[in-house]
Amino acid sequence: MPLTTVIREPIAELTTAVFTGTLVDPDGTPFTADSPKKLESLRMTIYDAATRATIVNSVDVLESVDAEGNLELKVYPEENLILGEGRNEEHVMLLEWLWTENGEEGEPEGEPEGEIKENMGKHEIRFTVKNLDRVE
């Protein structure tokens, strides 16, 4: 999976946007209900790419992933606003997730028993928010 996904089509400001995809481990395997790897948390942060000003700060969105590992994440109007004065603004959605393997923190082969290793993934989605009401 690439580190960054770029959404080419602008999203209208103050509207609900839906992002879809499949959440996978580093091997490309989806986090499914019957997988030995269990998705423990998924957090979303949204910020302005130019100023790095935070719009949404580390919100729990784990319920956005179904039993097959499919992601359907809604960004609501109050999370989808332009902070500056321009007509367009680039935003970044950072997704961060933790998982365990076989119900225990993932321990690579050969690691001492009882030593806990956290498994973590990150992905960013870049998109443009467009204000449809302003005329420049």
Protein backbone atom coordinates (compact mmCIF):
# COMPACT_ATOMS: atom_id res chain seq x y z
CA MET A 1 0.00 0.00 0.00
CA PRO A 2 1.40 3.42 -0.88
CA LEU A 3 2.13 5.84 1.95
CA THR A 4 -0.08 8.57 0.46
CA THR A 5 -3.31 8.54 -1.53
CA VAL A 6 -4.22 11.70 -3.46
CA ILE A 7 -7.89 12.34 -4.20
CA ARG A 8 -7.99 14.32 -7.46
CA GLU A 9 -11.64 15.43 -7.39
CA PRO A 10 -12.24 18.42 -5.06
CA ILE A 11 -14.65 18.06 -2.16
CA ALA A 12 -17.18 20.84 -1.55
CA GLU A 13 -16.62 22.66 1.74
CA LEU A 14 -19.11 21.99 4.56
CA THR A 15 -20.43 18.81 2.95
CA THR A 16 -20.20 15.18 4.03
CA ALA A 17 -17.44 13.29 2.21
CA VAL A 18 -17.10 9.50 2.22
CA PHE A 19 -13.69 7.82 1.88
CA THR A 20 -13.61 4.09 1.09
CA GLY A 21 -10.88 1.49 0.84
CA THR A 22 -9.50 -1.62 2.50
CA LEU A 23 -7.33 -1.48 5.61
CA VAL A 24 -4.44 -3.96 5.28
CA ASP A 25 -1.36 -5.08 7.20
CA PRO A 26 2.17 -4.65 5.76
CA ASP A 27 1.76 -7.93 3.85
CA GLY A 28 -1.35 -6.55 2.09
CA THR A 29 -3.74 -8.80 4.04
CA PRO A 30 -7.02 -7.15 5.08
CA PHE A 31 -7.91 -6.99 8.77
CA THR A 32 -10.92 -9.33 8.71
CA ALA A 33 -13.02 -10.67 11.57
CA ASP A 34 -11.48 -14.16 11.22
CA SER A 35 -7.90 -12.98 10.65
CA PRO A 36 -5.25 -13.84 13.27
CA LYS A 37 -4.34 -10.14 13.17
CA LYS A 38 -6.87 -8.09 15.09
CA LEU A 39 -7.33 -4.40 14.46
CA GLU A 40 -7.30 -2.74 17.89
CA SER A 41 -7.62 0.96 17.07
CA LEU A 42 -7.96 3.36 14.16
CA ARG A 43 -7.56 7.10 14.66
CA MET A 44 -8.10 9.97 12.22
CA THR A 45 -6.48 13.41 12.22
CA ILE A 46 -7.26 16.06 9.58
CA TYR A 47 -5.12 19.16 9.10
CA ASP A 48 -4.50 21.99 6.63
CA ALA A 49 -1.51 20.96 4.48
CA ALA A 50 -0.12 24.51 4.13
CA THR A 51 -0.36 25.74 7.72
CA ARG A 52 -0.52 22.34 9.48
CA ALA A 53 -3.42 23.73 11.55
CA THR A 54 -5.43 20.86 13.03
CA ILE A 55 -9.08 20.50 12.03
CA VAL A 56 -9.78 17.08 13.62
CA ASN A 57 -7.40 15.75 16.26
CA SER A 58 -6.94 11.98 16.65
CA VAL A 59 -10.59 10.88 16.62
CA ASP A 60 -11.45 7.19 17.10
CA VAL A 61 -12.92 5.86 13.82
CA LEU A 62 -12.51 2.10 14.38
CA GLU A 63 -16.24 1.55 13.75
CA SER A 64 -15.61 2.64 10.14
CA VAL A 65 -14.02 -0.76 9.36
CA ASP A 66 -16.33 -3.74 8.73
CA ALA A 67 -15.69 -7.45 9.36
CA GLU A 68 -14.06 -7.82 5.92
CA GLY A 69 -11.55 -5.02 6.48
CA ASN A 70 -13.43 -2.54 4.30
CA LEU A 71 -13.20 1.08 5.36
CA GLU A 72 -16.10 3.52 4.91
CA LEU A 73 -15.11 6.73 6.65
CA LYS A 74 -17.42 9.74 6.72
CA VAL A 75 -15.99 13.22 7.13
CA TYR A 76 -18.82 15.46 8.31
CA PRO A 77 -19.42 19.11 7.30
CA GLU A 78 -17.89 20.55 10.49
CA GLU A 79 -14.74 18.49 9.78
CA ASN A 80 -14.61 19.56 6.14
CA LEU A 81 -14.13 23.33 6.25
CA ILE A 82 -11.69 25.84 4.85
CA LEU A 83 -9.62 27.58 7.52
CA GLY A 84 -8.03 30.28 5.36
CA GLU A 85 -9.35 32.95 3.00
CA GLY A 86 -8.79 31.13 -0.28
CA ARG A 87 -11.29 29.38 -2.49
CA ASN A 88 -9.41 26.05 -2.29
CA GLU A 89 -7.41 24.45 0.49
CA GLU A 90 -5.44 21.21 0.57
CA HIS A 91 -6.14 19.00 3.57
CA VAL A 92 -4.42 15.86 4.84
CA MET A 93 -6.22 13.03 6.61
CA LEU A 94 -3.79 10.93 8.64
CA LEU A 95 -4.99 7.45 9.58
CA GLU A 96 -3.08 5.59 12.32
CA TRP A 97 -3.91 2.07 13.44
CA LEU A 98 -2.71 -0.55 15.92
CA TRP A 99 -3.16 -4.29 15.67
CA THR A 100 -2.41 -7.45 17.59
CA GLU A 101 -1.68 -10.93 16.33
CA ASN A 102 -3.54 -13.98 17.66
CA GLY A 103 -5.01 -11.85 20.46
CA GLU A 104 -1.57 -10.88 21.84
CA GLU A 105 0.69 -8.01 20.90
CA GLY A 106 2.58 -9.12 17.79
CA GLU A 107 5.88 -10.73 18.69
CA PRO A 108 8.25 -11.53 15.84
CA GLU A 109 9.69 -15.04 15.78
CA GLY A 110 12.74 -15.31 18.02
CA GLU A 111 11.67 -12.50 20.37
CA PRO A 112 11.78 -13.35 24.08
CA GLU A 113 8.43 -14.54 25.42
CA GLY A 114 6.48 -11.82 27.18
CA GLU A 115 8.21 -8.96 25.39
CA ILE A 116 5.44 -6.85 23.87
CA LYS A 117 5.88 -5.31 20.44
CA GLU A 118 3.29 -2.90 19.12
CA ASN A 119 2.25 -3.15 15.49
CA MET A 120 1.34 0.18 13.95
CA GLY A 121 0.37 1.43 10.51
CA LYS A 122 -0.07 4.92 9.07
CA HIS A 123 -1.48 6.28 5.83
CA GLU A 124 -2.28 9.77 4.64
CA ILE A 125 -4.98 10.91 2.23
CA ARG A 126 -4.55 14.30 0.56
CA PHE A 127 -7.58 16.08 -0.83
CA THR A 128 -8.66 19.57 -1.87
CA VAL A 129 -11.61 21.30 -0.21
CA LYS A 130 -13.35 23.82 -2.46
CA ASN A 131 -15.58 26.64 -1.30
CA LEU A 132 -18.53 26.90 -3.71
CA ASP A 133 -20.04 30.05 -2.13
CA ARG A 134 -17.23 32.60 -2.43
CA VAL A 135 -16.56 34.61 -5.52
CA GLU A 136 -13.07 36.06 -5.97
